PDB file of N, CA and C in Angstrom:
ATOM      1  N   MET A   1     -56.517  45.770 107.405  1.00  0.00           N
ATOM      2  CA  MET A   1     -56.934  47.109 107.023  1.00  0.00           C
ATOM      3  C   MET A   1     -56.191  47.498 105.749  1.00  0.00           C
ATOM      4  N   GLU A   2     -56.894  48.215 104.885  1.00  0.00           N
ATOM      5  CA  GLU A   2     -56.262  48.684 103.655  1.00  0.00           C
ATOM      6  C   GLU A   2     -55.100  49.604 103.997  1.00  0.00           C
ATOM      7  N   GLU A   3     -54.011  49.444 103.269  1.00  0.00           N
ATOM      8  CA  GLU A   3     -52.779  50.199 103.547  1.00  0.00           C
ATOM      9  C   GLU A   3     -53.001  51.709 103.497  1.00  0.00           C
ATOM     10  N   LYS A   4     -53.857  52.170 102.579  1.00  0.00           N
ATOM     11  CA  LYS A   4     -54.079  53.616 102.450  1.00  0.00           C
ATOM     12  C   LYS A   4     -54.705  54.214 103.710  1.00  0.00           C
ATOM     13  N   TYR A   5     -55.363  53.382 104.499  1.00  0.00           N
ATOM     14  CA  TYR A   5     -56.025  53.873 105.702  1.00  0.00           C
ATOM     15  C   TYR A   5     -55.129  53.883 106.937  1.00  0.00           C
ATOM     16  N   VAL A   6     -54.041  53.129 106.900  1.00  0.00           N
ATOM     17  CA  VAL A   6     -53.154  53.048 108.067  1.00  0.00           C
ATOM     18  C   VAL A   6     -52.640  54.434 108.444  1.00  0.00           C
ATOM     19  N   GLU A   7     -52.057  55.142 107.496  1.00  0.00           N
ATOM     20  CA  GLU A   7     -51.505  56.478 107.774  1.00  0.00           C
ATOM     21  C   GLU A   7     -52.593  57.471 108.153  1.00  0.00           C
ATOM     22  N   LEU A   8     -53.737  57.367 107.500  1.00  0.00           N
ATOM     23  CA  LEU A   8     -54.844  58.268 107.819  1.00  0.00           C
ATOM     24  C   LEU A   8     -55.230  58.139 109.288  1.00  0.00           C
ATOM     25  N   LEU A   9     -55.425  56.914 109.748  1.00  0.00           N
ATOM     26  CA  LEU A   9     -55.817  56.709 111.143  1.00  0.00           C
ATOM     27  C   LEU A   9     -54.702  57.096 112.101  1.00  0.00           C
ATOM     28  N   LYS A  10     -53.461  56.857 111.706  1.00  0.00           N
ATOM     29  CA  LYS A  10     -52.338  57.246 112.570  1.00  0.00           C
ATOM     30  C   LYS A  10     -52.246  58.763 112.713  1.00  0.00           C
ATOM     31  N   THR A  11     -52.633  59.496 111.681  1.00  0.00           N
ATOM     32  CA  THR A  11     -52.564  60.958 111.769  1.00  0.00           C
ATOM     33  C   THR A  11     -53.769  61.547 112.505  1.00  0.00           C
ATOM     34  N   LYS A  12     -54.906  60.871 112.455  1.00  0.00           N
ATOM     35  CA  LYS A  12     -56.116  61.391 113.105  1.00  0.00           C
ATOM     36  C   LYS A  12     -56.245  60.940 114.561  1.00  0.00           C
ATOM     37  N   CYS A  13     -55.619  59.825 114.899  1.00  0.00           N
ATOM     38  CA  CYS A  13     -55.663  59.309 116.271  1.00  0.00           C
ATOM     39  C   CYS A  13     -54.338  59.613 116.955  1.00  0.00           C
ATOM     40  N   ASP A  14     -54.390  59.958 118.237  1.00  0.00           N
ATOM     41  CA  ASP A  14     -53.128  59.995 118.969  1.00  0.00           C
ATOM     42  C   ASP A  14     -52.724  58.544 119.240  1.00  0.00           C
ATOM     43  N   GLU A  15     -51.551  58.356 119.809  1.00  0.00           N
ATOM     44  CA  GLU A  15     -51.023  57.003 120.002  1.00  0.00           C
ATOM     45  C   GLU A  15     -51.977  56.123 120.819  1.00  0.00           C
ATOM     46  N   GLU A  16     -52.539  56.690 121.881  1.00  0.00           N
ATOM     47  CA  GLU A  16     -53.437  55.924 122.754  1.00  0.00           C
ATOM     48  C   GLU A  16     -54.705  55.486 122.021  1.00  0.00           C
ATOM     49  N   ASN A  17     -55.307  56.388 121.254  1.00  0.00           N
ATOM     50  CA  ASN A  17     -56.543  56.046 120.551  1.00  0.00           C
ATOM     51  C   ASN A  17     -56.298  55.099 119.387  1.00  0.00           C
ATOM     52  N   TYR A  18     -55.172  55.244 118.711  1.00  0.00           N
ATOM     53  CA  TYR A  18     -54.822  54.307 117.641  1.00  0.00           C
ATOM     54  C   TYR A  18     -54.650  52.907 118.226  1.00  0.00           C
ATOM     55  N   LYS A  19     -53.997  52.827 119.368  1.00  0.00           N
ATOM     56  CA  LYS A  19     -53.786  51.535 120.031  1.00  0.00           C
ATOM     57  C   LYS A  19     -55.129  50.904 120.415  1.00  0.00           C
ATOM     58  N   LYS A  20     -56.049  51.700 120.967  1.00  0.00           N
ATOM     59  CA  LYS A  20     -57.371  51.179 121.337  1.00  0.00           C
ATOM     60  C   LYS A  20     -58.090  50.626 120.107  1.00  0.00           C
ATOM     61  N   LEU A  21     -57.984  51.332 119.001  1.00  0.00           N
ATOM     62  CA  LEU A  21     -58.637  50.895 117.772  1.00  0.00           C
ATOM     63  C   LEU A  21     -58.027  49.597 117.253  1.00  0.00           C
ATOM     64  N   MET A  22     -56.704  49.506 117.253  1.00  0.00           N
ATOM     65  CA  MET A  22     -56.028  48.314 116.748  1.00  0.00           C
ATOM     66  C   MET A  22     -56.245  47.099 117.649  1.00  0.00           C
ATOM     67  N   GLU A  23     -56.461  47.332 118.930  1.00  0.00           N
ATOM     68  CA  GLU A  23     -56.725  46.221 119.854  1.00  0.00           C
ATOM     69  C   GLU A  23     -58.032  45.510 119.530  1.00  0.00           C
ATOM     70  N   LEU A  24     -58.902  46.152 118.784  1.00  0.00           N
ATOM     71  CA  LEU A  24     -60.144  45.506 118.371  1.00  0.00           C
ATOM     72  C   LEU A  24     -59.879  44.391 117.367  1.00  0.00           C
ATOM     73  N   ASN A  25     -58.738  44.451 116.677  1.00  0.00           N
ATOM     74  CA  ASN A  25     -58.311  43.400 115.749  1.00  0.00           C
ATOM     75  C   ASN A  25     -59.430  43.009 114.779  1.00  0.00           C
ATOM     76  N   ASN A  26     -59.969  44.021 114.109  1.00  0.00           N
ATOM     77  CA  ASN A  26     -61.059  43.810 113.168  1.00  0.00           C
ATOM     78  C   ASN A  26     -60.813  44.688 111.940  1.00  0.00           C
ATOM     79  N   PRO A  27     -60.064  44.182 110.948  1.00  0.00           N
ATOM     80  CA  PRO A  27     -59.730  44.990 109.768  1.00  0.00           C
ATOM     81  C   PRO A  27     -60.947  45.561 109.037  1.00  0.00           C
ATOM     82  N   GLU A  28     -62.034  44.823 109.024  1.00  0.00           N
ATOM     83  CA  GLU A  28     -63.244  45.329 108.367  1.00  0.00           C
ATOM     84  C   GLU A  28     -63.765  46.573 109.088  1.00  0.00           C
ATOM     85  N   LEU A  29     -63.760  46.540 110.409  1.00  0.00           N
ATOM     86  CA  LEU A  29     -64.165  47.706 111.200  1.00  0.00           C
ATOM     87  C   LEU A  29     -63.192  48.862 110.986  1.00  0.00           C
ATOM     88  N   HIS A  30     -61.893  48.569 110.965  1.00  0.00           N
ATOM     89  CA  HIS A  30     -60.882  49.610 110.739  1.00  0.00           C
ATOM     90  C   HIS A  30     -61.123  50.302 109.401  1.00  0.00           C
ATOM     91  N   ASN A  31     -61.392  49.521 108.355  1.00  0.00           N
ATOM     92  CA  ASN A  31     -61.667  50.100 107.036  1.00  0.00           C
ATOM     93  C   ASN A  31     -62.930  50.958 107.062  1.00  0.00           C
ATOM     94  N   PHE A  32     -63.960  50.476 107.744  1.00  0.00           N
ATOM     95  CA  PHE A  32     -65.218  51.218 107.854  1.00  0.00           C
ATOM     96  C   PHE A  32     -64.979  52.567 108.529  1.00  0.00           C
ATOM     97  N   ILE A  33     -64.290  52.550 109.658  1.00  0.00           N
ATOM     98  CA  ILE A  33     -64.011  53.791 110.389  1.00  0.00           C
ATOM     99  C   ILE A  33     -63.158  54.723 109.537  1.00  0.00           C
ATOM    100  N   ALA A  34     -62.107  54.188 108.936  1.00  0.00           N
ATOM    101  CA  ALA A  34     -61.203  55.008 108.125  1.00  0.00           C
ATOM    102  C   ALA A  34     -61.921  55.628 106.930  1.00  0.00           C
ATOM    103  N   LYS A  35     -62.823  54.884 106.322  1.00  0.00           N
ATOM    104  CA  LYS A  35     -63.588  55.403 105.179  1.00  0.00           C
ATOM    105  C   LYS A  35     -64.335  56.677 105.579  1.00  0.00           C
ATOM    106  N   TYR A  36     -64.956  56.656 106.747  1.00  0.00           N
ATOM    107  CA  TYR A  36     -65.735  57.816 107.173  1.00  0.00           C
ATOM    108  C   TYR A  36     -64.874  58.900 107.810  1.00  0.00           C
ATOM    109  N   VAL A  37     -63.726  58.533 108.327  1.00  0.00           N
ATOM    110  CA  VAL A  37     -62.763  59.549 108.769  1.00  0.00           C
ATOM    111  C   VAL A  37     -62.286  60.320 107.542  1.00  0.00           C
ATOM    112  N   GLU A  38     -62.015  59.592 106.470  1.00  0.00           N
ATOM    113  CA  GLU A  38     -61.594  60.233 105.221  1.00  0.00           C
ATOM    114  C   GLU A  38     -62.703  61.145 104.688  1.00  0.00           C
ATOM    115  N   LEU A  39     -63.926  60.686 104.715  1.00  0.00           N
ATOM    116  CA  LEU A  39     -65.060  61.456 104.198  1.00  0.00           C
ATOM    117  C   LEU A  39     -65.352  62.692 105.050  1.00  0.00           C
ATOM    118  N   CYS A  40     -65.390  62.521 106.365  1.00  0.00           N
ATOM    119  CA  CYS A  40     -65.784  63.614 107.268  1.00  0.00           C
ATOM    120  C   CYS A  40     -64.620  64.506 107.674  1.00  0.00           C
ATOM    121  N   ASN A  41     -63.402  64.008 107.562  1.00  0.00           N
ATOM    122  CA  ASN A  41     -62.175  64.748 107.851  1.00  0.00           C
ATOM    123  C   ASN A  41     -62.188  65.468 109.208  1.00  0.00           C
ATOM    124  N   PRO A  42     -62.411  64.723 110.298  1.00  0.00           N
ATOM    125  CA  PRO A  42     -62.367  65.366 111.618  1.00  0.00           C
ATOM    126  C   PRO A  42     -60.937  65.769 111.971  1.00  0.00           C
ATOM    127  N   LEU A  43     -60.801  66.695 112.902  1.00  0.00           N
ATOM    128  CA  LEU A  43     -59.461  67.081 113.357  1.00  0.00           C
ATOM    129  C   LEU A  43     -58.774  65.926 114.059  1.00  0.00           C
ATOM    130  N   SER A  44     -59.553  65.133 114.787  1.00  0.00           N
ATOM    131  CA  SER A  44     -58.992  63.992 115.513  1.00  0.00           C
ATOM    132  C   SER A  44     -60.073  62.940 115.709  1.00  0.00           C
ATOM    133  N   VAL A  45     -59.629  61.746 116.094  1.00  0.00           N
ATOM    134  CA  VAL A  45     -60.541  60.637 116.354  1.00  0.00           C
ATOM    135  C   VAL A  45     -60.303  60.146 117.775  1.00  0.00           C
ATOM    136  N   PHE A  46     -61.389  60.053 118.537  1.00  0.00           N
ATOM    137  CA  PHE A  46     -61.336  59.539 119.906  1.00  0.00           C
ATOM    138  C   PHE A  46     -62.056  58.202 119.930  1.00  0.00           C
ATOM    139  N   VAL A  47     -61.406  57.184 120.467  1.00  0.00           N
ATOM    140  CA  VAL A  47     -61.992  55.848 120.570  1.00  0.00           C
ATOM    141  C   VAL A  47     -62.428  55.652 122.014  1.00  0.00           C
ATOM    142  N   ARG A  48     -63.728  55.592 122.230  1.00  0.00           N
ATOM    143  CA  ARG A  48     -64.252  55.508 123.599  1.00  0.00           C
ATOM    144  C   ARG A  48     -64.378  54.060 124.047  1.00  0.00           C
ATOM    145  N   THR A  49     -63.893  53.799 125.250  1.00  0.00           N
ATOM    146  CA  THR A  49     -64.098  52.512 125.904  1.00  0.00           C
ATOM    147  C   THR A  49     -65.070  52.744 127.054  1.00  0.00           C
ATOM    148  N   ASP A  50     -65.293  51.729 127.847  1.00  0.00           N
ATOM    149  CA  ASP A  50     -66.173  51.879 129.007  1.00  0.00           C
ATOM    150  C   ASP A  50     -65.420  52.325 130.248  1.00  0.00           C
ATOM    151  N   SER A  51     -64.178  52.765 130.082  1.00  0.00           N
ATOM    152  CA  SER A  51     -63.381  53.179 131.239  1.00  0.00           C
ATOM    153  C   SER A  51     -63.905  54.492 131.821  1.00  0.00           C
ATOM    154  N   LEU A  52     -63.695  54.665 133.114  1.00  0.00           N
ATOM    155  CA  LEU A  52     -64.085  55.919 133.768  1.00  0.00           C
ATOM    156  C   LEU A  52     -63.301  57.094 133.196  1.00  0.00           C
ATOM    157  N   LYS A  53     -62.058  56.843 132.817  1.00  0.00           N
ATOM    158  CA  LYS A  53     -61.220  57.892 132.224  1.00  0.00           C
ATOM    159  C   LYS A  53     -61.866  58.428 130.938  1.00  0.00           C
ATOM    160  N   ASP A  54     -62.329  57.527 130.079  1.00  0.00           N
ATOM    161  CA  ASP A  54     -62.965  57.945 128.828  1.00  0.00           C
ATOM    162  C   ASP A  54     -64.293  58.653 129.089  1.00  0.00           C
ATOM    163  N   THR A  55     -65.051  58.160 130.059  1.00  0.00           N
ATOM    164  CA  THR A  55     -66.317  58.804 130.419  1.00  0.00           C
ATOM    165  C   THR A  55     -66.069  60.230 130.890  1.00  0.00           C
ATOM    166  N   ARG A  56     -65.072  60.398 131.742  1.00  0.00           N
ATOM    167  CA  ARG A  56     -64.725  61.730 132.248  1.00  0.00           C
ATOM    168  C   ARG A  56     -64.283  62.647 131.106  1.00  0.00           C
ATOM    169  N   TYR A  57     -63.473  62.104 130.198  1.00  0.00           N
ATOM    170  CA  TYR A  57     -62.988  62.895 129.061  1.00  0.00           C
ATOM    171  C   TYR A  57     -64.166  63.435 128.244  1.00  0.00           C
ATOM    172  N   ILE A  58     -65.121  62.569 127.924  1.00  0.00           N
ATOM    173  CA  ILE A  58     -66.287  62.974 127.130  1.00  0.00           C
ATOM    174  C   ILE A  58     -67.070  64.068 127.855  1.00  0.00           C
ATOM    175  N   ARG A  59     -67.314  63.867 129.132  1.00  0.00           N
ATOM    176  CA  ARG A  59     -68.080  64.855 129.902  1.00  0.00           C
ATOM    177  C   ARG A  59     -67.341  66.185 129.989  1.00  0.00           C
ATOM    178  N   ASP A  60     -66.048  66.127 130.273  1.00  0.00           N
ATOM    179  CA  ASP A  60     -65.258  67.357 130.385  1.00  0.00           C
ATOM    180  C   ASP A  60     -65.163  68.082 129.049  1.00  0.00           C
ATOM    181  N   LYS A  61     -64.993  67.329 127.968  1.00  0.00           N
ATOM    182  CA  LYS A  61     -64.878  67.931 126.635  1.00  0.00           C
ATOM    183  C   LYS A  61     -66.188  68.621 126.242  1.00  0.00           C
ATOM    184  N   ALA A  62     -67.311  67.999 126.556  1.00  0.00           N
ATOM    185  CA  ALA A  62     -68.611  68.602 126.237  1.00  0.00           C
ATOM    186  C   ALA A  62     -68.786  69.931 126.962  1.00  0.00           C
ATOM    187  N   LYS A  63     -68.353  69.996 128.209  1.00  0.00           N
ATOM    188  CA  LYS A  63     -68.440  71.262 128.954  1.00  0.00           C
ATOM    189  C   LYS A  63     -67.449  72.278 128.394  1.00  0.00           C
ATOM    190  N   GLU A  64     -66.241  71.825 128.093  1.00  0.00           N
ATOM    191  CA  GLU A  64     -65.205  72.718 127.549  1.00  0.00           C
ATOM    192  C   GLU A  64     -65.655  73.359 126.240  1.00  0.00           C
ATOM    193  N   LEU A  65     -66.337  72.593 125.396  1.00  0.00           N
ATOM    194  CA  LEU A  65     -66.786  73.091 124.094  1.00  0.00           C
ATOM    195  C   LEU A  65     -68.127  73.825 124.164  1.00  0.00           C
ATOM    196  N   GLY A  66     -68.711  73.897 125.349  1.00  0.00           N
ATOM    197  CA  GLY A  66     -69.981  74.590 125.504  1.00  0.00           C
ATOM    198  C   GLY A  66     -71.185  73.783 125.062  1.00  0.00           C
ATOM    199  N   GLU A  67     -70.997  72.486 124.828  1.00  0.00           N
ATOM    200  CA  GLU A  67     -72.112  71.630 124.431  1.00  0.00           C
ATOM    201  C   GLU A  67     -72.979  71.253 125.627  1.00  0.00           C
ATOM    202  N   GLU A  68     -72.397  71.268 126.811  1.00  0.00           N
ATOM    203  CA  GLU A  68     -73.098  70.976 128.064  1.00  0.00           C
ATOM    204  C   GLU A  68     -72.771  72.096 129.048  1.00  0.00           C
ATOM    205  N   THR A  69     -73.695  72.356 129.961  1.00  0.00           N
ATOM    206  CA  THR A  69     -73.492  73.355 131.008  1.00  0.00           C
ATOM    207  C   THR A  69     -73.652  72.673 132.355  1.00  0.00           C
ATOM    208  N   GLN A  70     -72.714  72.926 133.250  1.00  0.00           N
ATOM    209  CA  GLN A  70     -72.747  72.326 134.582  1.00  0.00           C
ATOM    210  C   GLN A  70     -73.943  72.857 135.370  1.00  0.00           C
ATOM    211  N   LEU A  71     -74.657  71.967 136.033  1.00  0.00           N
ATOM    212  CA  LEU A  71     -75.735  72.363 136.936  1.00  0.00           C
ATOM    213  C   LEU A  71     -75.187  72.473 138.353  1.00  0.00           C
ATOM    214  N   LEU A  72     -75.956  73.033 139.249  1.00  0.00           N
ATOM    215  CA  LEU A  72     -75.537  73.138 140.647  1.00  0.00           C
ATOM    216  C   LEU A  72     -75.455  71.768 141.313  1.00  0.00           C
ATOM    217  N   ILE A  73     -76.179  70.786 140.791  1.00  0.00           N
ATOM    218  CA  ILE A  73     -76.131  69.422 141.314  1.00  0.00           C
ATOM    219  C   ILE A  73     -74.855  68.768 140.786  1.00  0.00           C
ATOM    220  N   ASP A  74     -73.982  68.360 141.681  1.00  0.00           N
ATOM    221  CA  ASP A  74     -72.691  67.795 141.294  1.00  0.00           C
ATOM    222  C   ASP A  74     -72.862  66.599 140.349  1.00  0.00           C
ATOM    223  N   GLY A  75     -72.108  66.613 139.257  1.00  0.00           N
ATOM    224  CA  GLY A  75     -72.139  65.514 138.304  1.00  0.00           C
ATOM    225  C   GLY A  75     -73.245  65.592 137.271  1.00  0.00           C
ATOM    226  N   HIS A  76     -74.035  66.648 137.282  1.00  0.00           N
ATOM    227  CA  HIS A  76     -75.142  66.786 136.342  1.00  0.00           C
ATOM    228  C   HIS A  76     -74.924  67.997 135.433  1.00  0.00           C
ATOM    229  N   THR A  77     -75.288  67.815 134.165  1.00  0.00           N
ATOM    230  CA  THR A  77     -75.186  68.893 133.187  1.00  0.00           C
ATOM    231  C   THR A  77     -76.503  68.994 132.427  1.00  0.00           C
ATOM    232  N   VAL A  78     -76.603  70.038 131.625  1.00  0.00           N
ATOM    233  CA  VAL A  78     -77.780  70.229 130.786  1.00  0.00           C
ATOM    234  C   VAL A  78     -77.311  70.673 129.406  1.00  0.00           C
ATOM    235  N   HIS A  79     -78.074  70.291 128.380  1.00  0.00           N
ATOM    236  CA  HIS A  79     -77.834  70.802 127.033  1.00  0.00           C
ATOM    237  C   HIS A  79     -79.188  70.989 126.362  1.00  0.00           C
ATOM    238  N   PHE A  80     -79.212  71.798 125.331  1.00  0.00           N
ATOM    239  CA  PHE A  80     -80.442  72.071 124.610  1.00  0.00           C
ATOM    240  C   PHE A  80     -80.255  71.683 123.153  1.00  0.00           C
ATOM    241  N   ASP A  81     -81.171  70.883 122.646  1.00  0.00           N
ATOM    242  CA  ASP A  81     -81.143  70.478 121.248  1.00  0.00           C
ATOM    243  C   ASP A  81     -81.992  71.436 120.429  1.00  0.00           C
ATOM    244  N   GLY A  82     -81.572  71.636 119.192  1.00  0.00           N
ATOM    245  CA  GLY A  82     -82.376  72.414 118.270  1.00  0.00           C
ATOM    246  C   GLY A  82     -83.624  71.633 117.877  1.00  0.00           C
ATOM    247  N   TYR A  83     -84.570  72.317 117.303  1.00  0.00           N
ATOM    248  CA  TYR A  83     -85.843  71.706 116.922  1.00  0.00           C
ATOM    249  C   TYR A  83     -85.648  70.510 115.991  1.00  0.00           C
ATOM    250  N   PHE A  84     -84.699  70.597 115.065  1.00  0.00           N
ATOM    251  CA  PHE A  84     -84.489  69.533 114.086  1.00  0.00           C
ATOM    252  C   PHE A  84     -83.320  68.615 114.455  1.00  0.00           C
ATOM    253  N   ASP A  85     -82.824  68.714 115.653  1.00  0.00           N
ATOM    254  CA  ASP A  85     -81.693  67.897 116.086  1.00  0.00           C
ATOM    255  C   ASP A  85     -82.094  66.424 116.130  1.00  0.00           C
ATOM    256  N   GLN A  86     -81.273  65.569 115.491  1.00  0.00           N
ATOM    257  CA  GLN A  86     -81.551  64.136 115.464  1.00  0.00           C
ATOM    258  C   GLN A  86     -80.570  63.342 116.323  1.00  0.00           C
ATOM    259  N   ALA A  87     -79.828  63.999 117.176  1.00  0.00           N
ATOM    260  CA  ALA A  87     -78.766  63.321 117.919  1.00  0.00           C
ATOM    261  C   ALA A  87     -79.268  62.131 118.727  1.00  0.00           C
ATOM    262  N   ARG A  88     -80.510  62.138 119.142  1.00  0.00           N
ATOM    263  CA  ARG A  88     -81.043  61.023 119.924  1.00  0.00           C
ATOM    264  C   ARG A  88     -81.958  60.116 119.086  1.00  0.00           C
ATOM    265  N   ASP A  89     -82.098  60.424 117.813  1.00  0.00           N
ATOM    266  CA  ASP A  89     -82.968  59.659 116.928  1.00  0.00           C
ATOM    267  C   ASP A  89     -82.167  58.520 116.314  1.00  0.00           C
ATOM    268  N   LYS A  90     -82.129  57.378 116.992  1.00  0.00           N
ATOM    269  CA  LYS A  90     -81.294  56.256 116.565  1.00  0.00           C
ATOM    270  C   LYS A  90     -81.706  55.689 115.211  1.00  0.00           C
ATOM    271  N   GLU A  91     -82.946  55.836 114.840  1.00  0.00           N
ATOM    272  CA  GLU A  91     -83.413  55.313 113.558  1.00  0.00           C
ATOM    273  C   GLU A  91     -82.870  56.115 112.373  1.00  0.00           C
ATOM    274  N   ASN A  92     -82.610  57.413 112.584  1.00  0.00           N
ATOM    275  CA  ASN A  92     -82.213  58.288 111.486  1.00  0.00           C
ATOM    276  C   ASN A  92     -80.817  58.873 111.625  1.00  0.00           C
ATOM    277  N   THR A  93     -80.111  58.519 112.662  1.00  0.00           N
ATOM    278  CA  THR A  93     -78.770  59.054 112.887  1.00  0.00           C
ATOM    279  C   THR A  93     -77.763  57.924 112.777  1.00  0.00           C
ATOM    280  N   LYS A  94     -76.823  58.054 111.847  1.00  0.00           N
ATOM    281  CA  LYS A  94     -75.833  56.996 111.656  1.00  0.00           C
ATOM    282  C   LYS A  94     -74.563  57.277 112.432  1.00  0.00           C
ATOM    283  N   PHE A  95     -74.127  58.528 112.473  1.00  0.00           N
ATOM    284  CA  PHE A  95     -72.873  58.879 113.137  1.00  0.00           C
ATOM    285  C   PHE A  95     -73.079  60.044 114.076  1.00  0.00           C
ATOM    286  N   LEU A  96     -72.396  59.996 115.213  1.00  0.00           N
ATOM    287  CA  LEU A  96     -72.395  61.121 116.144  1.00  0.00           C
ATOM    288  C   LEU A  96     -70.982  61.612 116.293  1.00  0.00           C
TER     289      LEU A  96
END
């Protein structure tokens, strides 16, 4: 990974997420991610794995931020997309 990106990723990722990213051992991927972290300047970067812990985090965060609303059926939520929302349009959406 380019040296200029090391500090950027360390500041945007907490220790756990930085470790998950580095475990991929793919400098080209690290540079790609860092390039867009630099461009988009998110407050933080979360690296999702297939773990139940990460799945729970995503679901809980979506509810916490009001992006999803809990339904009466346990484990189910609902959200509403705007008319021009492309979040599910894989052909035209590069980043989520």
